[in-house]
Protein backbone atom coordinates (compact mmCIF):
# COMPACT_ATOMS: atom_id res chain seq x y z
CA MET A 1 65.76 -2.93 -13.65
CA VAL A 2 63.88 -5.86 -15.13
CA ASP A 3 64.95 -9.51 -14.99
CA VAL A 4 65.04 -11.00 -18.47
CA ASP A 5 65.28 -14.70 -19.25
CA ASP A 6 68.01 -14.95 -21.89
CA SER A 7 67.64 -18.66 -22.61
CA GLY A 8 65.85 -20.28 -25.48
CA VAL A 9 65.41 -19.97 -29.20
CA TYR A 10 64.00 -16.85 -30.81
CA ILE A 11 62.14 -16.52 -34.11
CA ASN A 12 63.01 -13.63 -36.43
CA VAL A 13 59.89 -11.53 -37.08
CA GLY A 14 61.50 -8.83 -39.26
CA ARG A 15 63.13 -5.42 -39.22
CA VAL A 16 61.96 -2.70 -36.85
CA ASP A 17 61.03 0.49 -38.73
CA ALA A 18 60.07 2.56 -35.67
CA ILE A 19 59.26 2.32 -31.98
CA GLU A 20 56.82 4.31 -29.84
CA TYR A 21 56.92 4.31 -26.07
CA THR A 22 55.77 6.30 -23.05
CA THR A 23 58.01 6.97 -20.07
CA ALA A 24 58.31 9.30 -17.09
CA ARG A 25 60.86 12.06 -17.58
CA ASP A 26 61.36 14.70 -14.92
CA GLY A 27 58.20 13.45 -13.21
CA GLU A 28 56.03 13.87 -16.31
CA LEU A 29 54.73 11.16 -18.65
CA GLU A 30 56.00 11.73 -22.18
CA SER A 31 55.45 9.81 -25.40
CA TYR A 32 58.24 9.27 -27.90
CA ARG A 33 58.46 7.91 -31.44
CA HIS A 34 61.75 6.97 -33.05
CA LYS A 35 61.92 6.10 -36.73
CA PHE A 36 65.09 4.09 -37.36
CA SER A 37 67.18 5.02 -40.40
CA ALA A 38 67.35 2.23 -43.00
CA LYS A 39 70.84 1.05 -41.96
CA ALA A 40 70.21 1.37 -38.21
CA ARG A 41 67.14 -0.90 -38.06
CA PRO A 42 67.36 -3.82 -35.63
CA GLN A 43 65.65 -7.18 -36.08
CA LEU A 44 62.58 -7.97 -33.98
CA VAL A 45 62.66 -11.51 -32.58
CA VAL A 46 60.15 -13.37 -30.42
CA SER A 47 60.61 -16.29 -28.04
CA HIS A 48 59.33 -19.70 -29.13
CA ASP A 49 56.36 -19.39 -26.75
CA GLY A 50 55.48 -15.87 -27.91
CA THR A 51 55.94 -14.25 -24.48
CA HIS A 52 59.20 -12.29 -25.01
CA THR A 53 60.27 -9.93 -27.77
CA ARG A 54 63.71 -8.44 -28.37
CA PHE A 55 65.64 -6.16 -30.68
CA VAL A 56 68.74 -7.82 -32.11
CA GLY A 57 71.50 -5.98 -33.94
CA GLY A 58 71.02 -2.61 -35.54
CA GLN A 59 73.20 0.47 -35.51
CA TYR A 60 71.75 2.49 -32.65
CA LYS A 61 72.31 3.20 -28.98
CA PHE A 62 69.87 4.12 -26.27
CA THR A 63 71.08 7.28 -24.49
CA GLU A 64 69.68 9.93 -22.17
CA ARG A 65 68.16 11.39 -25.37
CA GLY A 66 66.44 8.09 -26.19
CA PHE A 67 67.21 6.02 -29.30
CA VAL A 68 70.03 7.49 -31.41
CA ASP A 69 70.94 5.96 -34.78
CA HIS A 70 74.65 5.52 -35.58
CA ASP A 71 76.46 5.26 -38.90
CA ALA A 72 78.81 2.44 -39.94
CA ASN A 73 81.67 4.20 -38.09
CA GLY A 74 79.69 4.26 -34.85
CA ASP A 75 79.08 8.01 -35.01
CA PRO A 76 75.62 9.38 -34.10
CA ILE A 77 73.39 10.35 -36.99
CA GLU A 78 71.93 13.73 -36.11
């Protein structure tokens, strides 16, 4: 877990088209890239001092499979 300061004002940077990240899975480092569907894209916001970024909104969930886009009904887009 990571402590995150939730206070303050954030500036909207724009929509997130895709995200790439590296993580350990089953003891091995793996790289992933997820391209969000047009309707699932979250907003990228940054703290006023430029030290914290966040995703806000979007129609997706993070699961054991990684990022999974969802439709307007909340169903996964496969």
